[in-house]
Amino acid sequence: MEALALHRLKWKCRRGLLELDLVLNEFIEKRLEEKDLKELNELLEMEDNDLWEIVSGRSDRYDAGHGGIVARLRAV
């Protein structure tokens, strides 16, 4: 992944919830793969609280196509 794209993604992962920031940054630093970019960007369009509910496992309200990346985010 090119440096500029990675920088933009990291900036987009800065959220209003500290817990979400921590999970997203950990994911980007250690688990992000090129194939994850489209799905992660789609998830990042969600509101912070909705995304946190999904990542924390409290909600399953997400597109079935995001199941893989959601499972990996939850594993962080």
C-alpha atoms as a PDB file:
ATOM      1  CA  MET A   1       0.000   0.000   0.000  1.00  0.00           C
ATOM      2  CA  GLU A   2       1.362   3.397  -0.864  1.00  0.00           C
ATOM      3  CA  ALA A   3       2.301   5.748   1.953  1.00  0.00           C
ATOM      4  CA  LEU A   4      -0.218   8.451   1.055  1.00  0.00           C
ATOM      5  CA  ALA A   5      -3.137   5.999   0.985  1.00  0.00           C
ATOM      6  CA  LEU A   6      -2.060   4.574   4.338  1.00  0.00           C
ATOM      7  CA  HIS A   7      -1.785   8.070   5.815  1.00  0.00           C
ATOM      8  CA  ARG A   8      -5.296   8.938   4.590  1.00  0.00           C
ATOM      9  CA  LEU A   9      -6.695   5.721   6.011  1.00  0.00           C
ATOM     10  CA  LYS A  10      -5.077   6.379   9.391  1.00  0.00           C
ATOM     11  CA  TRP A  11      -6.551   9.876   9.391  1.00  0.00           C
ATOM     12  CA  LYS A  12      -9.994   8.479   8.565  1.00  0.00           C
ATOM     13  CA  CYS A  13      -9.649   6.054  11.494  1.00  0.00           C
ATOM     14  CA  ARG A  14      -9.335   8.904  13.991  1.00  0.00           C
ATOM     15  CA  ARG A  15     -12.701   8.802  15.665  1.00  0.00           C
ATOM     16  CA  GLY A  16     -14.544  10.413  18.552  1.00  0.00           C
ATOM     17  CA  LEU A  17     -14.470   7.261  20.666  1.00  0.00           C
ATOM     18  CA  LEU A  18     -11.126   6.357  22.203  1.00  0.00           C
ATOM     19  CA  GLU A  19     -11.976   2.650  22.211  1.00  0.00           C
ATOM     20  CA  LEU A  20     -12.685   2.730  18.489  1.00  0.00           C
ATOM     21  CA  ASP A  21      -9.464   4.669  17.842  1.00  0.00           C
ATOM     22  CA  LEU A  22      -7.465   2.032  19.677  1.00  0.00           C
ATOM     23  CA  VAL A  23      -9.016  -0.915  17.847  1.00  0.00           C
ATOM     24  CA  LEU A  24      -8.772   0.682  14.408  1.00  0.00           C
ATOM     25  CA  ASN A  25      -5.161   1.782  14.886  1.00  0.00           C
ATOM     26  CA  GLU A  26      -4.149  -1.654  16.162  1.00  0.00           C
ATOM     27  CA  PHE A  27      -5.873  -3.241  13.171  1.00  0.00           C
ATOM     28  CA  ILE A  28      -4.123  -0.952  10.693  1.00  0.00           C
ATOM     29  CA  GLU A  29      -0.708  -1.394  12.272  1.00  0.00           C
ATOM     30  CA  LYS A  30      -0.760  -5.190  12.621  1.00  0.00           C
ATOM     31  CA  ARG A  31      -3.546  -6.821  10.607  1.00  0.00           C
ATOM     32  CA  LEU A  32      -4.453  -4.670   7.616  1.00  0.00           C
ATOM     33  CA  GLU A  33      -4.192  -6.338   4.237  1.00  0.00           C
ATOM     34  CA  GLU A  34      -4.616  -4.761   0.818  1.00  0.00           C
ATOM     35  CA  LYS A  35      -7.868  -6.694   0.299  1.00  0.00           C
ATOM     36  CA  ASP A  36      -9.377  -4.993   3.373  1.00  0.00           C
ATOM     37  CA  LEU A  37      -9.266  -1.441   2.036  1.00  0.00           C
ATOM     38  CA  LYS A  38     -12.649  -1.277   0.304  1.00  0.00           C
ATOM     39  CA  GLU A  39     -14.555  -2.919   3.144  1.00  0.00           C
ATOM     40  CA  LEU A  40     -12.786  -0.938   5.855  1.00  0.00           C
ATOM     41  CA  ASN A  41     -13.499   2.333   4.055  1.00  0.00           C
ATOM     42  CA  GLU A  42     -17.166   1.351   3.783  1.00  0.00           C
ATOM     43  CA  LEU A  43     -17.319   0.592   7.509  1.00  0.00           C
ATOM     44  CA  LEU A  44     -15.627   3.901   8.295  1.00  0.00           C
ATOM     45  CA  GLU A  45     -18.560   5.717   6.678  1.00  0.00           C
ATOM     46  CA  MET A  46     -20.682   4.646   9.668  1.00  0.00           C
ATOM     47  CA  GLU A  47     -21.320   6.798  12.714  1.00  0.00           C
ATOM     48  CA  ASP A  48     -18.903   6.168  15.589  1.00  0.00           C
ATOM     49  CA  ASN A  49     -21.442   4.663  17.976  1.00  0.00           C
ATOM     50  CA  ASP A  50     -22.877   2.337  15.325  1.00  0.00           C
ATOM     51  CA  LEU A  51     -19.419   1.186  14.284  1.00  0.00           C
ATOM     52  CA  TRP A  52     -18.379   0.620  17.903  1.00  0.00           C
ATOM     53  CA  GLU A  53     -21.487  -1.472  18.523  1.00  0.00           C
ATOM     54  CA  ILE A  54     -20.469  -3.700  15.600  1.00  0.00           C
ATOM     55  CA  VAL A  55     -16.777  -3.899  16.486  1.00  0.00           C
ATOM     56  CA  SER A  56     -17.515  -4.627  20.144  1.00  0.00           C
ATOM     57  CA  GLY A  57     -19.908  -7.426  19.187  1.00  0.00           C
ATOM     58  CA  ARG A  58     -23.058  -5.782  20.522  1.00  0.00           C
ATOM     59  CA  SER A  59     -24.620  -5.447  17.078  1.00  0.00           C
ATOM     60  CA  ASP A  60     -24.778  -7.501  13.917  1.00  0.00           C
ATOM     61  CA  ARG A  61     -26.242  -4.690  11.815  1.00  0.00           C
ATOM     62  CA  TYR A  62     -23.750  -4.696   8.976  1.00  0.00           C
ATOM     63  CA  ASP A  63     -23.608  -5.912   5.410  1.00  0.00           C
ATOM     64  CA  ALA A  64     -22.957  -9.645   5.241  1.00  0.00           C
ATOM     65  CA  GLY A  65     -20.077  -8.937   2.867  1.00  0.00           C
ATOM     66  CA  HIS A  66     -18.226  -7.258   5.727  1.00  0.00           C
ATOM     67  CA  GLY A  67     -18.332 -10.357   7.925  1.00  0.00           C
ATOM     68  CA  GLY A  68     -14.663 -11.209   7.440  1.00  0.00           C
ATOM     69  CA  ILE A  69     -13.264  -7.814   8.308  1.00  0.00           C
ATOM     70  CA  VAL A  70     -15.698  -7.399  11.202  1.00  0.00           C
ATOM     71  CA  ALA A  71     -14.522 -10.715  12.659  1.00  0.00           C
ATOM     72  CA  ARG A  72     -10.897  -9.594  12.353  1.00  0.00           C
ATOM     73  CA  LEU A  73     -11.683  -6.212  13.950  1.00  0.00           C
ATOM     74  CA  ARG A  74     -13.420  -7.984  16.811  1.00  0.00           C
ATOM     75  CA  ALA A  75     -10.324 -10.166  17.307  1.00  0.00           C
ATOM     76  CA  VAL A  76      -8.208  -7.094  18.002  1.00  0.00           C
END
